[in-house]
C-alpha atoms as a PDB file:
ATOM      1  CA  MET A   1       7.837  60.001 -10.281  1.00  0.00           C
ATOM      2  CA  GLY A   2      10.685  60.238 -12.680  1.00  0.00           C
ATOM      3  CA  LEU A   3      11.305  58.692 -16.024  1.00  0.00           C
ATOM      4  CA  PHE A   4      12.739  55.569 -14.393  1.00  0.00           C
ATOM      5  CA  THR A   5      11.493  54.083 -11.149  1.00  0.00           C
ATOM      6  CA  ASN A   6      13.734  52.743  -8.408  1.00  0.00           C
ATOM      7  CA  LEU A   7      14.171  49.046  -9.146  1.00  0.00           C
ATOM      8  CA  ASN A   8      15.662  48.332  -5.722  1.00  0.00           C
ATOM      9  CA  LEU A   9      12.762  46.293  -4.362  1.00  0.00           C
ATOM     10  CA  ASP A  10      14.578  45.636  -1.099  1.00  0.00           C
ATOM     11  CA  GLY A  11      14.363  49.290  -0.094  1.00  0.00           C
ATOM     12  CA  GLN A  12      15.415  49.884   3.494  1.00  0.00           C
ATOM     13  CA  THR A  13      15.479  46.169   4.343  1.00  0.00           C
ATOM     14  CA  PRO A  14      18.624  45.145   6.265  1.00  0.00           C
ATOM     15  CA  VAL A  15      21.107  43.120   4.239  1.00  0.00           C
ATOM     16  CA  ARG A  16      20.903  40.124   6.602  1.00  0.00           C
ATOM     17  CA  THR A  17      17.167  39.708   5.906  1.00  0.00           C
ATOM     18  CA  ARG A  18      17.322  39.991   2.131  1.00  0.00           C
ATOM     19  CA  PRO A  19      17.076  36.796   0.089  1.00  0.00           C
ATOM     20  CA  ARG A  20      20.164  35.820  -1.820  1.00  0.00           C
ATOM     21  CA  VAL A  21      19.326  36.587  -5.429  1.00  0.00           C
ATOM     22  CA  GLY A  22      20.592  33.956  -7.826  1.00  0.00           C
ATOM     23  CA  ASP A  23      20.579  31.113  -5.310  1.00  0.00           C
ATOM     24  CA  GLU A  24      18.135  28.243  -5.557  1.00  0.00           C
ATOM     25  CA  GLN A  25      16.667  29.354  -2.231  1.00  0.00           C
ATOM     26  CA  TRP A  26      15.039  32.361  -3.894  1.00  0.00           C
ATOM     27  CA  ALA A  27      12.232  30.360  -5.470  1.00  0.00           C
ATOM     28  CA  PRO A  28       9.537  28.772  -3.289  1.00  0.00           C
ATOM     29  CA  ALA A  29       9.807  25.037  -2.767  1.00  0.00           C
ATOM     30  CA  VAL A  30       7.050  22.407  -2.970  1.00  0.00           C
ATOM     31  CA  VAL A  31       4.466  24.646  -4.622  1.00  0.00           C
ATOM     32  CA  PRO A  32       1.456  22.751  -6.019  1.00  0.00           C
ATOM     33  CA  THR A  33       0.953  22.864  -9.765  1.00  0.00           C
ATOM     34  CA  THR A  34      -2.071  24.427 -11.412  1.00  0.00           C
ATOM     35  CA  LYS A  35      -3.438  20.987 -12.287  1.00  0.00           C
ATOM     36  CA  ARG A  36      -3.172  19.871  -8.662  1.00  0.00           C
ATOM     37  CA  LYS A  37      -4.951  23.050  -7.510  1.00  0.00           C
ATOM     38  CA  LYS A  38      -7.807  22.374  -9.946  1.00  0.00           C
ATOM     39  CA  VAL A  39      -8.145  18.815  -8.660  1.00  0.00           C
ATOM     40  CA  GLN A  40      -8.162  20.071  -5.067  1.00  0.00           C
ATOM     41  CA  ARG A  41     -10.894  22.591  -5.910  1.00  0.00           C
ATOM     42  CA  VAL A  42     -13.077  19.690  -7.056  1.00  0.00           C
ATOM     43  CA  LEU A  43     -12.145  17.247  -4.300  1.00  0.00           C
ATOM     44  CA  ALA A  44     -12.558  19.676  -1.382  1.00  0.00           C
ATOM     45  CA  PRO A  45     -16.373  20.096  -1.727  1.00  0.00           C
ATOM     46  CA  ILE A  46     -16.774  16.368  -2.354  1.00  0.00           C
ATOM     47  CA  ALA A  47     -14.757  15.518   0.762  1.00  0.00           C
ATOM     48  CA  PHE A  48     -16.759  18.066   2.757  1.00  0.00           C
ATOM     49  CA  CYS A  49     -20.078  16.533   1.642  1.00  0.00           C
ATOM     50  CA  VAL A  50     -18.867  13.009   2.448  1.00  0.00           C
ATOM     51  CA  ALA A  51     -17.674  14.085   5.903  1.00  0.00           C
ATOM     52  CA  LEU A  52     -20.957  15.888   6.543  1.00  0.00           C
ATOM     53  CA  GLY A  53     -22.911  12.814   5.455  1.00  0.00           C
ATOM     54  CA  VAL A  54     -20.889  10.599   7.794  1.00  0.00           C
ATOM     55  CA  LEU A  55     -21.482  12.976  10.709  1.00  0.00           C
ATOM     56  CA  VAL A  56     -25.202  13.160  10.016  1.00  0.00           C
ATOM     57  CA  GLY A  57     -25.395   9.373   9.671  1.00  0.00           C
ATOM     58  CA  VAL A  58     -23.544   8.737  12.935  1.00  0.00           C
ATOM     59  CA  GLY A  59     -25.658  11.379  14.676  1.00  0.00           C
ATOM     60  CA  TYR A  60     -28.856   9.789  13.393  1.00  0.00           C
ATOM     61  CA  TYR A  61     -27.642   6.345  14.469  1.00  0.00           C
ATOM     62  CA  PHE A  62     -26.948   7.525  18.022  1.00  0.00           C
ATOM     63  CA  PHE A  63     -30.209   9.473  18.122  1.00  0.00           C
ATOM     64  CA  ARG A  64     -32.158   6.364  17.170  1.00  0.00           C
ATOM     65  CA  ALA A  65     -30.210   4.242  19.662  1.00  0.00           C
ATOM     66  CA  ILE A  66     -30.719   6.633  22.582  1.00  0.00           C
ATOM     67  CA  VAL A  67     -34.194   8.129  22.007  1.00  0.00           C
ATOM     68  CA  VAL A  68     -36.055   5.397  20.196  1.00  0.00           C
ATOM     69  CA  GLY A  69     -34.214   2.536  21.850  1.00  0.00           C
ATOM     70  CA  GLY A  70     -32.770   0.724  18.919  1.00  0.00           C
END
């Protein structure tokens, strides 16, 4: 490794597949913000627990209706 590294990050990539540097297309679009990610990290377990509770409740309801008879 020399004093300076090769800053050509494209390497052997064909020109037709390289992104156009400087265009607006270079940056990703519709990326969630950090605040939205934090909210999703809290809401995901809550939504999972609610969905699990609904499934258990419906399963118990059908179990009681079929086995016990109402």
